[in-house]
């Protein structure tokens, strides 16, 4: 059952001896005064629906510990050391001087309770309620979007390591599959086969054996009725969610980086390039490769925030796989906006779908367009070609800078090859021996219009003045992550931690703006 914090202080309460130690305006002072209002026990009652059993530690104290832990960038054990020995923490939590705190595993237990509940963003939302009650955002309508890479907490694994690890995990989790014979040529006691990795033929031969072993386990699971043949969807399987997940992951890692070269022999080889949405580790299957630029590669997740440019309050936050589109996530960040706002973002948010979404919801778009690729440096770009929209009598046409006009095909293709051989502008237009061939995608008109609007100097000046603030906020949030490295595995746990970072930031901003409580209401003191 849910424990509640008693309003009656003990004779040995820390506040009775050291109440003057806390600096007014600090987060410690704020929690000491108002933790029972901001993190009211009743707000967490749905986590403990049963009214029987041993009472839990009060939610107001647990949530406050999580906030202070995030503020100082501490592990669970380090945080509980502070609860036991640090007077500032004892004052913030309303503890007695001799209170020894609780076991660090309690924090893990509570995180899992919140994560698996219907309100996984509960603590961030409680801080948002304060923001809404103060009405501090009512006169501010500029929202700036940004994402940043957060490095995962695991080591990236190659294909063979993943298959070996997942074969062993499946056999351990599902005893009925432990009897499936595996190849004697692979030592599954090792993390990775001990072979000469400079021999490409030997690599592909070993890979083929591993894939055949993995396929044998999956086929046996089908025979036992754990899986069915059409897309491996489960129907009334006796397996648990964990067991089914292990089988599904085995199928993914055994197929994402390989291609069949001889079906009769069951021979496979590594594919060239990187598979789309590639799983990079069986330890954290939700982590992904992240490309912030052509030169910068990371493995992990992306943290996304929307801030109010004037107050610097984080109005929306979430965490996704590292390969998620910024423009797609932007819709979620703006879900809580009930009034029209101006949305600022870099070229990662340049999307016709996002633009339509903003217009449909009455928002203004101030998003930097994607840079144009040019076939010849300082030459002609796609914007130098005039596109004529089709009519009922004539098809769409494209006119090049030299004045040559060709028809635009149904697939958006325009070929000027028959004119390029004698064209005096060729050296500024293309390097292809055949000549210039262009493809106009469905987003072409949007991109052209966006680039045209970006020529306005006032728009660019406003963007340059407002944009840097969100990057500074992200940098300060990441300082609490031990060099941008996440503590946990999986989206759910890391999202909760990321939202705690956002909660701490917002509370600090509110305190800078003189947040106080008057007559039972949150207000910004003038």
Protein backbone atom coordinates (compact mmCIF):
# COMPACT_ATOMS: atom_id res chain seq x y z
CA UNK A 1 0.00 0.00 0.00
CA UNK A 2 1.06 3.61 -0.52
CA UNK A 3 2.77 5.22 2.45
CA UNK A 4 2.09 8.86 3.25
CA UNK A 5 4.22 11.50 4.91
CA UNK A 6 3.02 12.58 8.34
CA UNK A 7 2.82 16.36 8.84
CA UNK A 8 3.84 15.96 12.50
CA UNK A 9 7.56 16.55 13.11
CA UNK A 10 9.62 14.50 15.55
CA UNK A 11 11.78 15.93 18.32
CA UNK A 12 14.89 14.85 16.40
CA UNK A 13 13.75 16.30 13.06
CA UNK A 14 16.68 17.87 11.21
CA UNK A 15 14.63 21.02 10.62
CA UNK A 16 14.42 21.60 14.37
CA UNK A 17 18.21 22.08 14.58
CA UNK A 18 19.47 23.09 11.13
CA UNK A 19 16.63 24.84 9.30
CA UNK A 20 18.71 27.98 8.67
CA UNK A 21 21.35 26.06 6.70
CA UNK A 22 19.32 26.00 3.48
CA UNK A 23 19.65 28.94 1.13
CA UNK A 24 16.27 30.43 0.14
CA UNK A 25 15.67 30.07 -3.57
CA UNK A 26 17.60 26.79 -3.83
CA UNK A 27 15.96 23.56 -4.95
CA UNK A 28 16.75 22.04 -1.53
CA UNK A 29 14.88 24.85 0.24
CA UNK A 30 11.97 24.56 -2.20
CA UNK A 31 11.60 20.80 -1.59
CA UNK A 32 11.87 21.29 2.17
CA UNK A 33 8.98 23.74 2.03
CA UNK A 34 6.80 22.33 -0.75
CA UNK A 35 7.61 18.70 -1.58
CA UNK A 36 4.23 17.59 -0.16
CA UNK A 37 2.42 20.00 -2.51
CA UNK A 38 4.36 19.40 -5.74
CA UNK A 39 4.69 15.63 -5.19
CA UNK A 40 1.51 15.03 -3.23
CA UNK A 41 1.16 11.40 -2.15
CA UNK A 42 -2.34 11.30 -3.64
CA UNK A 43 -0.87 11.89 -7.12
CA UNK A 44 0.90 8.52 -6.83
CA UNK A 45 -2.02 6.56 -5.38
CA UNK A 46 -2.69 4.70 -8.65
CA UNK A 47 0.73 3.05 -8.33
CA UNK A 48 -0.48 1.27 -5.19
CA UNK A 49 -4.12 0.29 -5.79
CA UNK A 50 -4.13 -2.14 -2.86
CA UNK A 51 -4.95 -0.76 0.57
CA UNK A 52 -3.30 -3.65 2.38
CA UNK A 53 0.27 -4.62 3.08
CA UNK A 54 3.27 -2.76 4.41
CA UNK A 55 3.17 0.98 3.61
CA UNK A 56 5.69 2.17 1.04
CA UNK A 57 8.08 5.05 1.58
CA UNK A 58 6.07 8.25 0.99
CA UNK A 59 5.93 9.25 -2.66
CA UNK A 60 6.76 12.87 -1.82
CA UNK A 61 10.12 11.75 -0.42
CA UNK A 62 10.93 9.25 -3.18
CA UNK A 63 10.17 11.78 -5.93
CA UNK A 64 12.27 14.39 -4.12
CA UNK A 65 15.18 11.95 -3.87
CA UNK A 66 14.93 11.33 -7.64
CA UNK A 67 14.99 15.06 -8.30
CA UNK A 68 18.01 15.66 -6.06
CA UNK A 69 19.78 12.62 -7.46
CA UNK A 70 19.31 14.01 -10.98
CA UNK A 71 20.35 17.50 -9.86
CA UNK A 72 23.70 16.21 -8.58
CA UNK A 73 24.18 13.48 -11.22
CA UNK A 74 24.45 10.63 -8.70
CA UNK A 75 24.01 6.88 -8.89
CA UNK A 76 21.40 5.20 -6.67
CA UNK A 77 23.97 4.21 -4.06
CA UNK A 78 25.55 7.67 -4.05
CA UNK A 79 22.11 9.26 -3.67
CA UNK A 80 21.28 7.09 -0.65
CA UNK A 81 24.61 8.01 0.94
CA UNK A 82 23.48 11.63 0.69
CA UNK A 83 20.11 10.75 2.25
CA UNK A 84 21.91 9.19 5.21
CA UNK A 85 24.74 11.67 5.78
CA UNK A 86 23.97 15.00 4.09
CA UNK A 87 22.12 17.58 6.24
CA UNK A 88 20.97 19.48 3.18
CA UNK A 89 19.26 16.37 1.82
CA UNK A 90 17.72 15.52 5.20
CA UNK A 91 16.24 19.01 5.40
CA UNK A 92 14.88 18.80 1.85
CA UNK A 93 13.28 15.42 2.61
CA UNK A 94 11.98 16.26 6.08
CA UNK A 95 13.96 13.47 7.77
CA UNK A 96 15.20 13.03 11.31
CA UNK A 97 18.88 13.54 12.07
CA UNK A 98 19.40 9.85 12.71
CA UNK A 99 17.28 8.58 9.81
CA UNK A 100 19.38 5.99 7.98
CA UNK A 101 17.41 6.24 4.75
CA UNK A 102 16.57 3.11 2.76
CA UNK A 103 18.14 0.57 0.45
CA UNK A 104 19.16 1.81 -3.05
CA UNK A 105 17.03 -0.93 -4.63
CA UNK A 106 13.93 1.03 -3.52
CA UNK A 107 14.70 3.62 -6.19
CA UNK A 108 14.82 0.91 -8.85
CA UNK A 109 11.53 -0.47 -7.57
CA UNK A 110 9.83 2.93 -7.73
CA UNK A 111 11.20 3.72 -11.19
CA UNK A 112 9.80 0.44 -12.46
CA UNK A 113 6.44 1.19 -10.81
CA UNK A 114 6.22 4.55 -12.56
CA UNK A 115 7.65 3.27 -15.86
CA UNK A 116 5.13 0.43 -16.10
CA UNK A 117 2.14 2.51 -15.00
CA UNK A 118 -0.35 4.47 -17.11
CA UNK A 119 1.61 7.64 -16.25
CA UNK A 120 5.29 7.00 -17.13
CA UNK A 121 5.91 10.77 -17.41
CA UNK A 122 4.32 11.51 -14.03
CA UNK A 123 7.09 13.52 -12.36
CA UNK A 124 7.67 15.72 -15.41
CA UNK A 125 3.90 16.26 -15.71
CA UNK A 126 3.63 17.33 -12.06
CA UNK A 127 6.20 20.06 -12.72
CA UNK A 128 4.27 20.99 -15.87
CA UNK A 129 1.14 21.46 -13.73
CA UNK A 130 2.99 24.09 -11.70
CA UNK A 131 4.06 25.86 -14.90
CA UNK A 132 0.49 25.94 -16.17
CA UNK A 133 -0.86 27.17 -12.85
CA UNK A 134 1.57 30.09 -12.75
CA UNK A 135 0.57 31.09 -16.32
CA UNK A 136 4.19 32.09 -16.90
CA UNK A 137 3.95 30.98 -20.55
CA UNK A 138 0.70 32.77 -21.37
CA UNK A 139 2.39 35.76 -23.03
CA UNK A 140 5.28 33.83 -24.58
CA UNK A 141 4.73 32.07 -27.91
CA UNK A 142 8.17 31.17 -29.28
CA UNK A 143 9.05 27.46 -29.15
CA UNK A 144 12.50 26.22 -30.13
CA UNK A 145 13.07 22.56 -30.99
CA UNK A 146 16.30 20.63 -30.72
CA UNK A 147 17.66 17.09 -30.42
CA UNK A 148 20.93 15.77 -29.07
CA UNK A 149 22.72 12.42 -29.12
CA UNK A 150 22.86 10.48 -25.85
CA UNK A 151 25.41 7.66 -25.86
CA UNK A 152 24.10 4.27 -24.75
CA UNK A 153 25.33 2.30 -21.74
CA UNK A 154 26.43 -0.82 -23.66
CA UNK A 155 29.15 -1.92 -26.06
CA UNK A 156 28.20 -2.18 -29.74
CA UNK A 157 28.35 -5.80 -30.90
CA UNK A 158 29.23 -7.20 -34.31
CA UNK A 159 26.98 -9.70 -36.10
CA UNK A 160 28.64 -12.90 -34.88
CA UNK A 161 28.76 -11.73 -31.26
CA UNK A 162 25.06 -10.90 -31.38
CA UNK A 163 24.04 -14.24 -32.85
CA UNK A 164 26.15 -16.21 -30.34
CA UNK A 165 24.78 -14.22 -27.40
CA UNK A 166 21.17 -14.56 -28.51
CA UNK A 167 21.42 -18.30 -29.27
CA UNK A 168 22.67 -18.87 -25.72
CA UNK A 169 19.97 -16.62 -24.25
CA UNK A 170 17.14 -18.36 -26.10
CA UNK A 171 18.34 -21.81 -25.00
CA UNK A 172 18.58 -20.58 -21.40
CA UNK A 173 15.15 -18.91 -21.33
CA UNK A 174 13.29 -21.68 -23.19
CA UNK A 175 14.33 -25.10 -21.81
CA UNK A 176 12.44 -26.94 -24.59
CA UNK A 177 14.90 -25.50 -27.12
CA UNK A 178 18.01 -26.42 -25.14
CA UNK A 179 17.91 -29.91 -26.68
CA UNK A 180 18.14 -28.59 -30.26
CA UNK A 181 21.56 -29.73 -31.54
CA UNK A 182 24.03 -27.00 -32.47
CA UNK A 183 27.10 -27.22 -34.69
CA UNK A 184 30.21 -28.74 -33.12
CA UNK A 185 32.30 -26.25 -35.11
CA UNK A 186 31.23 -23.31 -32.92
CA UNK A 187 32.38 -22.94 -29.33
CA UNK A 188 29.36 -21.26 -27.76
CA UNK A 189 31.25 -20.93 -24.50
CA UNK A 190 33.11 -18.03 -26.11
CA UNK A 191 31.59 -14.63 -26.76
CA UNK A 192 32.75 -14.80 -30.38
CA UNK A 193 34.14 -17.58 -32.62
CA UNK A 194 37.95 -17.79 -32.55
CA UNK A 195 38.79 -17.63 -36.25
CA UNK A 196 41.09 -15.73 -38.59
CA UNK A 197 39.07 -12.59 -39.32
CA UNK A 198 41.34 -11.64 -42.22
CA UNK A 199 40.00 -14.66 -44.15
CA UNK A 200 36.74 -13.59 -45.82
CA UNK A 201 35.81 -17.12 -46.86
CA UNK A 202 36.26 -18.39 -43.31
CA UNK A 203 34.17 -15.49 -41.97
CA UNK A 204 31.27 -16.32 -44.29
CA UNK A 205 31.57 -20.05 -43.55
CA UNK A 206 31.42 -19.41 -39.78
CA UNK A 207 28.58 -16.95 -40.26
CA UNK A 208 26.62 -19.56 -42.22
CA UNK A 209 26.95 -22.06 -39.39
CA UNK A 210 25.72 -19.51 -36.85
CA UNK A 211 22.71 -18.54 -38.97
CA UNK A 212 21.80 -22.20 -39.53
CA UNK A 213 21.93 -22.83 -35.77
CA UNK A 214 19.73 -19.79 -35.13
CA UNK A 215 17.26 -20.88 -37.81
CA UNK A 216 17.14 -24.38 -36.30
CA UNK A 217 16.04 -22.93 -32.95
CA UNK A 218 13.37 -20.78 -34.60
CA UNK A 219 12.10 -23.72 -36.68
CA UNK A 220 11.86 -25.91 -33.59
CA UNK A 221 9.88 -23.13 -31.85
CA UNK A 222 7.42 -23.22 -34.75
CA UNK A 223 7.11 -27.00 -34.52
CA UNK A 224 6.28 -26.70 -30.82
CA UNK A 225 3.57 -24.16 -31.59
CA UNK A 226 5.38 -21.21 -30.05
CA UNK A 227 5.42 -19.35 -33.37
CA UNK A 228 3.49 -19.58 -36.62
CA UNK A 229 4.84 -19.29 -40.13
CA UNK A 230 3.20 -16.05 -41.29
CA UNK A 231 5.54 -13.30 -40.09
CA UNK A 232 6.22 -15.29 -36.89
CA UNK A 233 3.17 -13.77 -35.20
CA UNK A 234 2.21 -15.52 -32.00
CA UNK A 235 -1.16 -17.16 -31.42
CA UNK A 236 -1.91 -18.50 -27.95
CA UNK A 237 1.75 -19.17 -27.26
CA UNK A 238 2.64 -20.67 -23.85
CA UNK A 239 5.77 -18.52 -23.78
CA UNK A 240 6.16 -15.40 -21.65
CA UNK A 241 6.72 -11.96 -23.12
CA UNK A 242 10.40 -12.21 -22.25
CA UNK A 243 10.76 -15.57 -24.01
CA UNK A 244 8.92 -14.38 -27.11
CA UNK A 245 11.06 -11.25 -27.20
CA UNK A 246 14.23 -13.35 -27.07
CA UNK A 247 13.04 -15.49 -29.98
CA UNK A 248 12.08 -12.44 -32.01
CA UNK A 249 15.44 -10.79 -31.38
CA UNK A 250 17.24 -13.97 -32.45
CA UNK A 251 15.41 -13.83 -35.77
CA UNK A 252 16.39 -10.19 -36.21
CA UNK A 253 20.12 -10.53 -35.48
CA UNK A 254 20.39 -13.69 -37.57
CA UNK A 255 18.91 -11.97 -40.61
CA UNK A 256 19.70 -8.25 -40.56
CA UNK A 257 23.33 -8.39 -41.76
CA UNK A 258 23.35 -11.51 -43.94
CA UNK A 259 22.18 -12.60 -47.37
CA UNK A 260 21.57 -16.11 -48.68
CA UNK A 261 23.98 -17.13 -51.45
CA UNK A 262 23.20 -20.86 -51.75
CA UNK A 263 19.88 -22.13 -50.40
CA UNK A 264 20.74 -25.80 -50.96
CA UNK A 265 23.92 -25.60 -48.86
CA UNK A 266 22.52 -23.01 -46.47
CA UNK A 267 25.40 -20.66 -47.26
CA UNK A 268 25.30 -17.00 -46.22
CA UNK A 269 27.58 -13.99 -46.41
CA UNK A 270 27.74 -10.57 -44.82
CA UNK A 271 25.83 -7.90 -46.71
CA UNK A 272 27.50 -4.68 -47.72
CA UNK A 273 26.41 -1.51 -45.95
CA UNK A 274 24.29 -1.13 -42.81
CA UNK A 275 20.77 -2.51 -42.56
CA UNK A 276 18.00 0.00 -41.94
CA UNK A 277 17.08 0.20 -38.24
CA UNK A 278 19.90 -2.22 -37.41
CA UNK A 279 19.99 -3.68 -33.89
CA UNK A 280 23.50 -2.97 -32.61
CA UNK A 281 23.44 -4.88 -29.33
CA UNK A 282 21.47 -7.76 -27.82
CA UNK A 283 22.09 -6.21 -24.40
CA UNK A 284 20.15 -3.07 -25.40
CA UNK A 285 18.12 -3.93 -28.52
CA UNK A 286 16.56 -0.45 -28.70
CA UNK A 287 19.86 1.42 -29.12
CA UNK A 288 20.73 2.50 -32.68
CA UNK A 289 23.47 4.02 -34.82
CA UNK A 290 23.22 7.83 -34.85
CA UNK A 291 24.66 10.03 -37.59
CA UNK A 292 24.69 13.70 -36.55
CA UNK A 293 26.90 14.48 -39.54
CA UNK A 294 28.94 12.63 -42.15
CA UNK A 295 31.93 12.55 -39.83
CA UNK A 296 30.31 12.10 -36.41
CA UNK A 297 28.96 8.64 -35.60
CA UNK A 298 27.52 7.53 -32.27
CA UNK A 299 25.52 4.68 -30.84
CA UNK A 300 22.60 5.36 -28.56
CA UNK A 301 19.48 7.47 -28.39
CA UNK A 302 18.25 10.95 -29.16
CA UNK A 303 16.91 13.36 -26.57
CA UNK A 304 14.36 15.85 -27.92
CA UNK A 305 13.13 19.05 -26.25
CA UNK A 306 10.98 22.07 -27.02
CA UNK A 307 11.66 25.21 -25.00
CA UNK A 308 10.03 28.59 -24.62
CA UNK A 309 12.58 31.04 -26.00
CA UNK A 310 11.79 33.82 -23.51
CA UNK A 311 11.61 31.94 -20.20
CA UNK A 312 13.77 28.93 -21.22
CA UNK A 313 11.21 26.54 -19.73
CA UNK A 314 11.15 23.10 -21.34
CA UNK A 315 7.61 22.75 -22.66
CA UNK A 316 8.02 19.26 -24.12
CA UNK A 317 10.57 16.46 -23.90
CA UNK A 318 10.96 12.87 -25.02
CA UNK A 319 13.62 10.30 -25.93
CA UNK A 320 13.74 8.07 -29.01
CA UNK A 321 15.95 5.60 -30.80
CA UNK A 322 18.99 7.26 -32.29
CA UNK A 323 17.76 6.98 -35.88
CA UNK A 324 14.39 8.67 -35.28
CA UNK A 325 13.49 11.65 -37.46
CA UNK A 326 13.54 15.01 -35.67
CA UNK A 327 10.63 16.26 -37.77
CA UNK A 328 8.47 13.27 -36.83
CA UNK A 329 9.13 13.70 -33.10
CA UNK A 330 8.37 17.44 -33.27
CA UNK A 331 4.63 16.73 -33.34
CA UNK A 332 4.82 15.03 -29.94
CA UNK A 333 6.82 17.91 -28.46
CA UNK A 334 4.10 20.35 -29.45
CA UNK A 335 1.12 18.24 -28.36
CA UNK A 336 0.53 20.30 -25.21
CA UNK A 337 0.33 23.65 -27.01
CA UNK A 338 -3.26 24.84 -26.81
CA UNK A 339 -2.54 28.23 -28.45
CA UNK A 340 -0.76 29.22 -31.66
CA UNK A 341 3.02 29.49 -31.33
CA UNK A 342 6.00 30.20 -33.57
CA UNK A 343 8.13 27.08 -33.99
CA UNK A 344 11.90 27.47 -34.54
CA UNK A 345 14.07 24.56 -35.66
CA UNK A 346 17.19 23.68 -37.63
CA UNK A 347 17.19 21.90 -40.99
CA UNK A 348 16.56 18.56 -39.30
CA UNK A 349 12.95 19.70 -38.86
CA UNK A 350 12.52 20.65 -42.51
CA UNK A 351 9.65 18.42 -43.60
CA UNK A 352 6.53 18.94 -45.67
CA UNK A 353 4.57 16.70 -43.27
CA UNK A 354 5.65 18.75 -40.25
CA UNK A 355 4.89 21.98 -42.09
CA UNK A 356 1.36 20.77 -42.82
CA UNK A 357 0.93 19.71 -39.18
CA UNK A 358 1.99 23.16 -37.97
CA UNK A 359 -0.37 24.92 -40.34
CA UNK A 360 -3.27 22.64 -39.39
CA UNK A 361 -2.74 23.57 -35.72
CA UNK A 362 -2.31 27.28 -36.35
CA UNK A 363 1.42 27.44 -35.65
CA UNK A 364 3.96 29.59 -37.51
CA UNK A 365 7.01 27.90 -39.00
CA UNK A 366 10.53 29.35 -38.69
CA UNK A 367 12.58 26.33 -39.75
CA UNK A 368 15.92 26.52 -41.51
CA UNK A 369 15.78 24.80 -44.94
CA UNK A 370 18.03 21.90 -45.80
CA UNK A 371 21.17 22.93 -47.71
CA UNK A 372 21.05 22.39 -51.46
CA UNK A 373 23.38 19.87 -53.06
CA UNK A 374 25.07 21.17 -56.20
CA UNK A 375 26.50 19.05 -58.96
CA UNK A 376 29.20 21.71 -59.49
CA UNK A 377 30.46 23.93 -56.62
CA UNK A 378 29.03 27.45 -57.01
CA UNK A 379 27.12 26.21 -60.02
CA UNK A 380 23.43 25.91 -60.75
CA UNK A 381 21.17 24.34 -58.15
CA UNK A 382 17.69 22.90 -58.51
CA UNK A 383 16.26 26.32 -57.65
CA UNK A 384 17.72 27.70 -60.88
CA UNK A 385 15.43 25.40 -62.87
CA UNK A 386 11.89 26.70 -63.45
CA UNK A 387 9.13 24.15 -62.94
CA UNK A 388 5.81 24.80 -64.67
CA UNK A 389 2.85 23.08 -63.06
CA UNK A 390 0.74 20.82 -65.34
CA UNK A 391 -2.61 21.87 -66.73
CA UNK A 392 -5.46 19.92 -68.31
CA UNK A 393 -3.87 20.50 -71.73
CA UNK A 394 -0.12 20.44 -71.07
CA UNK A 395 2.13 18.30 -68.85
CA UNK A 396 4.49 19.72 -66.24
CA UNK A 397 7.65 21.17 -67.74
CA UNK A 398 11.10 22.17 -66.51
CA UNK A 399 13.26 24.94 -67.97
CA UNK A 400 17.01 25.01 -67.37
CA UNK A 401 19.16 28.18 -66.87
CA UNK A 402 20.08 28.07 -70.59
CA UNK A 403 16.41 28.27 -71.56
CA UNK A 404 15.91 24.65 -72.69
CA UNK A 405 12.54 23.15 -71.72
CA UNK A 406 11.70 19.47 -71.28
CA UNK A 407 8.64 17.61 -70.01
CA UNK A 408 8.53 16.25 -66.47
CA UNK A 409 7.76 12.54 -66.39
CA UNK A 410 5.13 10.95 -64.17
CA UNK A 411 7.94 9.87 -61.82
CA UNK A 412 9.27 13.44 -61.58
CA UNK A 413 12.23 12.94 -63.92
CA UNK A 414 13.54 15.65 -66.26
CA UNK A 415 16.38 14.89 -68.73
CA UNK A 416 18.38 17.63 -70.50
CA UNK A 417 20.98 15.27 -71.98
CA UNK A 418 20.15 16.11 -75.59
CA UNK A 419 20.94 19.79 -74.97
CA UNK A 420 23.97 19.50 -72.71
CA UNK A 421 26.55 18.57 -75.37
CA UNK A 422 26.52 22.01 -76.99
CA UNK A 423 25.32 24.07 -74.00
CA UNK A 424 27.73 26.90 -73.06
CA UNK A 425 26.62 26.64 -69.40
CA UNK A 426 27.41 22.95 -69.05
CA UNK A 427 30.55 23.45 -66.91
CA UNK A 428 28.47 25.25 -64.27
CA UNK A 429 25.62 22.75 -64.40
CA UNK A 430 26.88 19.14 -64.46
CA UNK A 431 29.93 16.90 -64.52
CA UNK A 432 28.12 13.93 -65.97
CA UNK A 433 29.26 12.79 -69.40
CA UNK A 434 25.65 12.17 -70.40
CA UNK A 435 24.38 15.56 -69.24
CA UNK A 436 22.01 16.85 -66.58
CA UNK A 437 19.22 14.52 -65.41
CA UNK A 438 17.08 15.69 -62.50
CA UNK A 439 14.43 14.13 -60.29
CA UNK A 440 11.83 16.31 -58.56
CA UNK A 441 10.35 14.57 -55.53
CA UNK A 442 6.97 15.23 -53.91
CA UNK A 443 8.59 17.64 -51.42
CA UNK A 444 10.24 19.78 -54.09
CA UNK A 445 7.69 22.60 -54.09
CA UNK A 446 7.78 22.80 -50.29
CA UNK A 447 11.58 22.94 -50.22
CA UNK A 448 11.71 25.63 -52.88
CA UNK A 449 9.13 27.77 -51.07
CA UNK A 450 10.95 27.31 -47.76
CA UNK A 451 14.28 28.37 -49.26
CA UNK A 452 12.62 31.39 -50.84
CA UNK A 453 11.16 32.50 -47.50
CA UNK A 454 14.58 32.07 -45.87
CA UNK A 455 15.96 34.89 -48.02
CA UNK A 456 14.20 37.33 -45.69
CA UNK A 457 16.92 38.87 -43.50
CA UNK A 458 14.59 39.53 -40.55
CA UNK A 459 13.61 35.87 -40.42
CA UNK A 460 17.25 34.75 -40.42
CA UNK A 461 18.19 37.33 -37.79
CA UNK A 462 15.38 36.16 -35.47
CA UNK A 463 16.45 32.54 -35.94
CA UNK A 464 20.10 33.33 -35.17
CA UNK A 465 19.11 35.24 -32.02
CA UNK A 466 16.77 32.58 -30.64
CA UNK A 467 18.25 29.25 -31.72
CA UNK A 468 21.46 29.08 -29.55
CA UNK A 469 19.48 29.07 -26.28
CA UNK A 470 18.14 25.55 -26.73
CA UNK A 471 21.59 24.15 -27.48
CA UNK A 472 22.94 25.69 -24.27
CA UNK A 473 20.12 24.07 -22.28
CA UNK A 474 20.86 20.69 -23.84
CA UNK A 475 24.55 21.10 -23.03
CA UNK A 476 23.78 21.81 -19.37
CA UNK A 477 21.40 18.86 -19.16
CA UNK A 478 24.06 16.56 -20.62
CA UNK A 479 26.58 17.64 -17.98
CA UNK A 480 24.56 15.53 -15.53
CA UNK A 481 24.99 12.45 -17.75
CA UNK A 482 28.67 11.78 -17.14
CA UNK A 483 29.76 12.97 -20.58
CA UNK A 484 26.41 12.38 -22.33
CA UNK A 485 26.47 8.68 -21.46
CA UNK A 486 23.17 7.21 -20.30
CA UNK A 487 22.91 5.14 -17.11
CA UNK A 488 20.23 2.70 -18.21
CA UNK A 489 19.27 0.30 -20.98
CA UNK A 490 16.15 0.67 -23.10
CA UNK A 491 13.95 3.57 -24.12
CA UNK A 492 11.54 3.42 -21.16
CA UNK A 493 14.15 3.76 -18.39
CA UNK A 494 16.24 6.31 -20.25
CA UNK A 495 13.17 8.38 -21.13
CA UNK A 496 12.26 8.58 -17.46
CA UNK A 497 15.76 9.75 -16.57
CA UNK A 498 15.77 12.28 -19.41
CA UNK A 499 12.43 13.68 -18.23
CA UNK A 500 13.87 13.98 -14.72
CA UNK A 501 16.62 16.15 -16.19
CA UNK A 502 13.92 18.29 -17.78
CA UNK A 503 12.02 18.43 -14.47
CA UNK A 504 15.08 19.66 -12.59
CA UNK A 505 15.73 22.29 -15.25
CA UNK A 506 12.16 23.58 -15.14
CA UNK A 507 12.08 23.77 -11.34
CA UNK A 508 15.32 25.76 -11.32
CA UNK A 509 13.93 28.17 -13.95
CA UNK A 510 10.73 28.64 -11.94
CA UNK A 511 12.73 29.35 -8.79
CA UNK A 512 14.79 31.95 -10.67
CA UNK A 513 11.49 33.58 -11.55
CA UNK A 514 10.45 33.72 -7.86
CA UNK A 515 8.06 30.79 -7.74
CA UNK A 516 6.06 30.78 -4.52
CA UNK A 517 2.82 29.44 -3.09
CA UNK A 518 0.05 31.83 -2.05
CA UNK A 519 -3.34 30.81 -0.72
CA UNK A 520 -2.84 27.25 -1.98
CA UNK A 521 -1.87 28.37 -5.51
CA UNK A 522 1.43 28.44 -7.39
CA UNK A 523 2.32 31.98 -8.48
CA UNK A 524 5.29 33.92 -9.83
CA UNK A 525 5.98 36.67 -7.31
CA UNK A 526 6.36 40.10 -8.87
